[in-house]
Every structure is written in C-alpha cells, then in structure tokens.
Amino acid sequence: MESAADRLLVKLRRFIADELDADERQLFATLLAPGIAAAHADHDVVGFGMINWSLPALPTALQGD
C-alpha cells in the first residue's frame, strides 16, 4: 500500500515537471528547502543546515509587500 507521503511526492514531481518553468521551479525549490532540511535534521545533509532561512533570505519574488 502506497503511503500518503509517496502519493504526494509523485504529484509534486508531476506538477514541477509539467506545470512550472525553470524560474518557477527555482522559486518552488526555495520554498521547499527549509522543510527538507528540517526533515533531515538528524542526517548528514550537507548544505541545507548552513543556510539562514529567515524571510529576508527569500528571493524578492517570494517576499510579500
């Protein structure tokens, strides 16, 4: 039986591949990175833990007015 997480990942991959252009994929990855880092906090994921994820670090396109 497929888990909800597996189903979600399949849908996200399809959405990213079929619906987003290169710039949108980059912005989407920026939004996902903090969650990925938190999910793998107990593991040796190089890079994610060294980035400050505060709002000012987000690209201007993702910041509210």
PDB file of N, CA and C in Angstrom:
ATOM      1  N   MET A   1       0.846  -1.188   0.000  1.00  0.00           N
ATOM      2  CA  MET A   1       0.000   0.000   0.000  1.00  0.00           C
ATOM      3  C   MET A   1       0.884   1.241   0.000  1.00  0.00           C
ATOM      4  N   GLU A   2       0.595   2.140  -0.879  1.00  0.00           N
ATOM      5  CA  GLU A   2       1.361   3.369  -1.025  1.00  0.00           C
ATOM      6  C   GLU A   2       0.990   4.361   0.077  1.00  0.00           C
ATOM      7  N   SER A   3       1.985   4.989   0.678  1.00  0.00           N
ATOM      8  CA  SER A   3       1.720   5.932   1.760  1.00  0.00           C
ATOM      9  C   SER A   3       1.296   7.288   1.194  1.00  0.00           C
ATOM     10  N   ALA A   4       0.707   8.106   2.058  1.00  0.00           N
ATOM     11  CA  ALA A   4       0.313   9.454   1.656  1.00  0.00           C
ATOM     12  C   ALA A   4       1.531  10.260   1.208  1.00  0.00           C
ATOM     13  N   ALA A   5       2.649  10.081   1.884  1.00  0.00           N
ATOM     14  CA  ALA A   5       3.867  10.802   1.506  1.00  0.00           C
ATOM     15  C   ALA A   5       4.321  10.399   0.107  1.00  0.00           C
ATOM     16  N   ASP A   6       4.269   9.114  -0.202  1.00  0.00           N
ATOM     17  CA  ASP A   6       4.648   8.645  -1.539  1.00  0.00           C
ATOM     18  C   ASP A   6       3.733   9.230  -2.611  1.00  0.00           C
ATOM     19  N   ARG A   7       2.432   9.238  -2.336  1.00  0.00           N
ATOM     20  CA  ARG A   7       1.475   9.793  -3.298  1.00  0.00           C
ATOM     21  C   ARG A   7       1.724  11.283  -3.507  1.00  0.00           C
ATOM     22  N   LEU A   8       1.991  11.992  -2.426  1.00  0.00           N
ATOM     23  CA  LEU A   8       2.254  13.430  -2.517  1.00  0.00           C
ATOM     24  C   LEU A   8       3.508  13.701  -3.344  1.00  0.00           C
ATOM     25  N   LEU A   9       4.560  12.937  -3.109  1.00  0.00           N
ATOM     26  CA  LEU A   9       5.796  13.139  -3.865  1.00  0.00           C
ATOM     27  C   LEU A   9       5.593  12.900  -5.357  1.00  0.00           C
ATOM     28  N   VAL A  10       4.812  11.899  -5.709  1.00  0.00           N
ATOM     29  CA  VAL A  10       4.512  11.642  -7.117  1.00  0.00           C
ATOM     30  C   VAL A  10       3.793  12.844  -7.721  1.00  0.00           C
ATOM     31  N   LYS A  11       2.806  13.375  -7.013  1.00  0.00           N
ATOM     32  CA  LYS A  11       2.049  14.526  -7.510  1.00  0.00           C
ATOM     33  C   LYS A  11       2.930  15.772  -7.611  1.00  0.00           C
ATOM     34  N   LEU A  12       3.794  15.974  -6.629  1.00  0.00           N
ATOM     35  CA  LEU A  12       4.688  17.131  -6.668  1.00  0.00           C
ATOM     36  C   LEU A  12       5.655  17.037  -7.845  1.00  0.00           C
ATOM     37  N   ARG A  13       6.227  15.855  -8.046  1.00  0.00           N
ATOM     38  CA  ARG A  13       7.143  15.672  -9.176  1.00  0.00           C
ATOM     39  C   ARG A  13       6.448  15.963 -10.502  1.00  0.00           C
ATOM     40  N   ARG A  14       5.228  15.475 -10.644  1.00  0.00           N
ATOM     41  CA  ARG A  14       4.458  15.696 -11.871  1.00  0.00           C
ATOM     42  C   ARG A  14       4.165  17.189 -12.052  1.00  0.00           C
ATOM     43  N   PHE A  15       3.732  17.840 -10.971  1.00  0.00           N
ATOM     44  CA  PHE A  15       3.429  19.274 -11.013  1.00  0.00           C
ATOM     45  C   PHE A  15       4.671  20.083 -11.404  1.00  0.00           C
ATOM     46  N   ILE A  16       5.795  19.776 -10.766  1.00  0.00           N
ATOM     47  CA  ILE A  16       7.029  20.510 -11.034  1.00  0.00           C
ATOM     48  C   ILE A  16       7.475  20.312 -12.483  1.00  0.00           C
ATOM     49  N   ALA A  17       7.408  19.093 -12.959  1.00  0.00           N
ATOM     50  CA  ALA A  17       7.867  18.784 -14.312  1.00  0.00           C
ATOM     51  C   ALA A  17       6.940  19.340 -15.382  1.00  0.00           C
ATOM     52  N   ASP A  18       5.632  19.275 -15.145  1.00  0.00           N
ATOM     53  CA  ASP A  18       4.668  19.611 -16.188  1.00  0.00           C
ATOM     54  C   ASP A  18       4.142  21.038 -16.135  1.00  0.00           C
ATOM     55  N   GLU A  19       4.119  21.651 -14.968  1.00  0.00           N
ATOM     56  CA  GLU A  19       3.439  22.931 -14.822  1.00  0.00           C
ATOM     57  C   GLU A  19       4.356  24.132 -14.590  1.00  0.00           C
ATOM     58  N   LEU A  20       5.576  23.907 -14.139  1.00  0.00           N
ATOM     59  CA  LEU A  20       6.441  25.027 -13.785  1.00  0.00           C
ATOM     60  C   LEU A  20       7.544  25.234 -14.818  1.00  0.00           C
ATOM     61  N   ASP A  21       7.847  26.512 -15.096  1.00  0.00           N
ATOM     62  CA  ASP A  21       9.004  26.795 -15.944  1.00  0.00           C
ATOM     63  C   ASP A  21      10.253  26.829 -15.058  1.00  0.00           C
ATOM     64  N   ALA A  22      11.409  27.059 -15.647  1.00  0.00           N
ATOM     65  CA  ALA A  22      12.672  26.984 -14.905  1.00  0.00           C
ATOM     66  C   ALA A  22      12.718  27.977 -13.742  1.00  0.00           C
ATOM     67  N   ASP A  23      12.254  29.206 -13.957  1.00  0.00           N
ATOM     68  CA  ASP A  23      12.262  30.200 -12.878  1.00  0.00           C
ATOM     69  C   ASP A  23      11.317  29.804 -11.745  1.00  0.00           C
ATOM     70  N   GLU A  24      10.142  29.300 -12.104  1.00  0.00           N
ATOM     71  CA  GLU A  24       9.184  28.863 -11.091  1.00  0.00           C
ATOM     72  C   GLU A  24       9.709  27.662 -10.312  1.00  0.00           C
ATOM     73  N   ARG A  25      10.393  26.741 -10.982  1.00  0.00           N
ATOM     74  CA  ARG A  25      10.987  25.593 -10.286  1.00  0.00           C
ATOM     75  C   ARG A  25      12.013  26.042  -9.261  1.00  0.00           C
ATOM     76  N   GLN A  26      12.806  27.049  -9.608  1.00  0.00           N
ATOM     77  CA  GLN A  26      13.813  27.565  -8.690  1.00  0.00           C
ATOM     78  C   GLN A  26      13.148  28.201  -7.464  1.00  0.00           C
ATOM     79  N   LEU A  27      12.100  28.975  -7.669  1.00  0.00           N
ATOM     80  CA  LEU A  27      11.385  29.585  -6.546  1.00  0.00           C
ATOM     81  C   LEU A  27      10.711  28.514  -5.686  1.00  0.00           C
ATOM     82  N   PHE A  28      10.132  27.508  -6.319  1.00  0.00           N
ATOM     83  CA  PHE A  28       9.472  26.430  -5.591  1.00  0.00           C
ATOM     84  C   PHE A  28      10.479  25.683  -4.717  1.00  0.00           C
ATOM     85  N   ALA A  29      11.662  25.440  -5.264  1.00  0.00           N
ATOM     86  CA  ALA A  29      12.717  24.774  -4.501  1.00  0.00           C
ATOM     87  C   ALA A  29      13.117  25.607  -3.293  1.00  0.00           C
ATOM     88  N   THR A  30      13.132  26.925  -3.439  1.00  0.00           N
ATOM     89  CA  THR A  30      13.453  27.806  -2.325  1.00  0.00           C
ATOM     90  C   THR A  30      12.441  27.645  -1.195  1.00  0.00           C
ATOM     91  N   LEU A  31      11.191  27.466  -1.549  1.00  0.00           N
ATOM     92  CA  LEU A  31      10.147  27.270  -0.536  1.00  0.00           C
ATOM     93  C   LEU A  31      10.255  25.907   0.135  1.00  0.00           C
ATOM     94  N   LEU A  32      10.650  24.887  -0.612  1.00  0.00           N
ATOM     95  CA  LEU A  32      10.725  23.532  -0.074  1.00  0.00           C
ATOM     96  C   LEU A  32      11.972  23.268   0.760  1.00  0.00           C
ATOM     97  N   ALA A  33      13.057  23.956   0.481  1.00  0.00           N
ATOM     98  CA  ALA A  33      14.345  23.669   1.124  1.00  0.00           C
ATOM     99  C   ALA A  33      14.301  23.664   2.649  1.00  0.00           C
ATOM    100  N   PRO A  34      13.632  24.634   3.303  1.00  0.00           N
ATOM    101  CA  PRO A  34      13.604  24.585   4.776  1.00  0.00           C
ATOM    102  C   PRO A  34      12.912  23.330   5.319  1.00  0.00           C
ATOM    103  N   GLY A  35      11.853  22.892   4.661  1.00  0.00           N
ATOM    104  CA  GLY A  35      11.161  21.677   5.094  1.00  0.00           C
ATOM    105  C   GLY A  35      12.015  20.438   4.900  1.00  0.00           C
ATOM    106  N   ILE A  36      12.743  20.394   3.801  1.00  0.00           N
ATOM    107  CA  ILE A  36      13.649  19.272   3.550  1.00  0.00           C
ATOM    108  C   ILE A  36      14.743  19.252   4.604  1.00  0.00           C
ATOM    109  N   ALA A  37      15.278  20.413   4.905  1.00  0.00           N
ATOM    110  CA  ALA A  37      16.327  20.497   5.923  1.00  0.00           C
ATOM    111  C   ALA A  37      15.811  20.032   7.279  1.00  0.00           C
ATOM    112  N   ALA A  38      14.593  20.439   7.635  1.00  0.00           N
ATOM    113  CA  ALA A  38      14.017  20.034   8.923  1.00  0.00           C
ATOM    114  C   ALA A  38      13.759  18.532   8.959  1.00  0.00           C
ATOM    115  N   ALA A  39      13.318  17.975   7.847  1.00  0.00           N
ATOM    116  CA  ALA A  39      13.030  16.544   7.792  1.00  0.00           C
ATOM    117  C   ALA A  39      14.292  15.699   7.922  1.00  0.00           C
ATOM    118  N   HIS A  40      15.406  16.256   7.525  1.00  0.00           N
ATOM    119  CA  HIS A  40      16.661  15.515   7.543  1.00  0.00           C
ATOM    120  C   HIS A  40      17.641  16.063   8.571  1.00  0.00           C
ATOM    121  N   ALA A  41      17.131  16.715   9.599  1.00  0.00           N
ATOM    122  CA  ALA A  41      17.994  17.336  10.604  1.00  0.00           C
ATOM    123  C   ALA A  41      18.865  16.315  11.329  1.00  0.00           C
ATOM    124  N   ASP A  42      18.399  15.080  11.441  1.00  0.00           N
ATOM    125  CA  ASP A  42      19.157  14.039  12.131  1.00  0.00           C
ATOM    126  C   ASP A  42      20.166  13.343  11.228  1.00  0.00           C
ATOM    127  N   HIS A  43      20.198  13.715   9.960  1.00  0.00           N
ATOM    128  CA  HIS A  43      21.054  13.049   8.988  1.00  0.00           C
ATOM    129  C   HIS A  43      22.142  13.991   8.501  1.00  0.00           C
ATOM    130  N   ASP A  44      23.085  13.462   7.802  1.00  0.00           N
ATOM    131  CA  ASP A  44      24.190  14.251   7.263  1.00  0.00           C
ATOM    132  C   ASP A  44      23.835  14.817   5.895  1.00  0.00           C
ATOM    133  N   VAL A  45      22.973  15.824   5.874  1.00  0.00           N
ATOM    134  CA  VAL A  45      22.635  16.502   4.633  1.00  0.00           C
ATOM    135  C   VAL A  45      23.496  17.754   4.583  1.00  0.00           C
ATOM    136  N   VAL A  46      24.411  17.785   3.662  1.00  0.00           N
ATOM    137  CA  VAL A  46      25.350  18.897   3.578  1.00  0.00           C
ATOM    138  C   VAL A  46      24.698  20.077   2.884  1.00  0.00           C
ATOM    139  N   GLY A  47      24.825  21.228   3.474  1.00  0.00           N
ATOM    140  CA  GLY A  47      24.376  22.455   2.828  1.00  0.00           C
ATOM    141  C   GLY A  47      23.118  23.057   3.412  1.00  0.00           C
ATOM    142  N   PHE A  48      22.040  22.285   3.542  1.00  0.00           N
ATOM    143  CA  PHE A  48      20.782  22.848   3.992  1.00  0.00           C
ATOM    144  C   PHE A  48      20.892  23.482   5.375  1.00  0.00           C
ATOM    145  N   GLY A  49      21.590  22.841   6.280  1.00  0.00           N
ATOM    146  CA  GLY A  49      21.685  23.345   7.640  1.00  0.00           C
ATOM    147  C   GLY A  49      22.537  24.588   7.778  1.00  0.00           C
ATOM    148  N   MET A  50      23.289  24.924   6.737  1.00  0.00           N
ATOM    149  CA  MET A  50      24.178  26.069   6.820  1.00  0.00           C
ATOM    150  C   MET A  50      23.541  27.339   6.281  1.00  0.00           C
ATOM    151  N   ILE A  51      22.301  27.263   5.846  1.00  0.00           N
ATOM    152  CA  ILE A  51      21.642  28.406   5.228  1.00  0.00           C
ATOM    153  C   ILE A  51      20.657  29.023   6.209  1.00  0.00           C
ATOM    154  N   ASN A  52      20.653  30.346   6.288  1.00  0.00           N
ATOM    155  CA  ASN A  52      19.698  31.067   7.121  1.00  0.00           C
ATOM    156  C   ASN A  52      18.382  31.166   6.351  1.00  0.00           C
ATOM    157  N   TRP A  53      17.317  30.576   6.886  1.00  0.00           N
ATOM    158  CA  TRP A  53      16.047  30.519   6.168  1.00  0.00           C
ATOM    159  C   TRP A  53      15.099  31.640   6.556  1.00  0.00           C
ATOM    160  N   SER A  54      15.586  32.709   7.150  1.00  0.00           N
ATOM    161  CA  SER A  54      14.716  33.812   7.542  1.00  0.00           C
ATOM    162  C   SER A  54      14.121  34.467   6.296  1.00  0.00           C
ATOM    163  N   LEU A  55      13.012  35.163   6.477  1.00  0.00           N
ATOM    164  CA  LEU A  55      12.298  35.785   5.360  1.00  0.00           C
ATOM    165  C   LEU A  55      13.190  36.675   4.510  1.00  0.00           C
ATOM    166  N   PRO A  56      14.082  37.489   5.070  1.00  0.00           N
ATOM    167  CA  PRO A  56      14.920  38.318   4.196  1.00  0.00           C
ATOM    168  C   PRO A  56      15.803  37.511   3.248  1.00  0.00           C
ATOM    169  N   ALA A  57      16.058  36.232   3.535  1.00  0.00           N
ATOM    170  CA  ALA A  57      16.882  35.409   2.660  1.00  0.00           C
ATOM    171  C   ALA A  57      16.104  34.896   1.446  1.00  0.00           C
ATOM    172  N   LEU A  58      14.780  35.025   1.453  1.00  0.00           N
ATOM    173  CA  LEU A  58      13.986  34.582   0.318  1.00  0.00           C
ATOM    174  C   LEU A  58      14.177  35.515  -0.869  1.00  0.00           C
ATOM    175  N   PRO A  59      14.061  34.993  -2.072  1.00  0.00           N
ATOM    176  CA  PRO A  59      14.140  35.864  -3.257  1.00  0.00           C
ATOM    177  C   PRO A  59      13.054  36.935  -3.196  1.00  0.00           C
ATOM    178  N   THR A  60      13.342  38.076  -3.754  1.00  0.00           N
ATOM    179  CA  THR A  60      12.401  39.197  -3.748  1.00  0.00           C
ATOM    180  C   THR A  60      11.046  38.779  -4.299  1.00  0.00           C
ATOM    181  N   ALA A  61      11.041  37.921  -5.313  1.00  0.00           N
ATOM    182  CA  ALA A  61       9.789  37.479  -5.934  1.00  0.00           C
ATOM    183  C   ALA A  61       8.869  36.762  -4.967  1.00  0.00           C
ATOM    184  N   LEU A  62       9.428  36.192  -3.868  1.00  0.00           N
ATOM    185  CA  LEU A  62       8.616  35.446  -2.915  1.00  0.00           C
ATOM    186  C   LEU A  62       8.261  36.255  -1.676  1.00  0.00           C
ATOM    187  N   GLN A  63       8.795  37.443  -1.563  1.00  0.00           N
ATOM    188  CA  GLN A  63       8.519  38.268  -0.392  1.00  0.00           C
ATOM    189  C   GLN A  63       7.240  39.069  -0.596  1.00  0.00           C
ATOM    190  N   GLY A  64       6.462  39.172   0.472  1.00  0.00           N
ATOM    191  CA  GLY A  64       5.232  39.943   0.399  1.00  0.00           C
ATOM    192  C   GLY A  64       5.534  41.435   0.372  1.00  0.00           C
ATOM    193  N   ASP A  65       4.495  42.202   0.130  1.00  0.00           N
ATOM    194  CA  ASP A  65       4.656  43.665   0.103  1.00  0.00           C
ATOM    195  C   ASP A  65       4.859  44.232   1.482  1.00  0.00           C
TER     196      ASP A  65
END
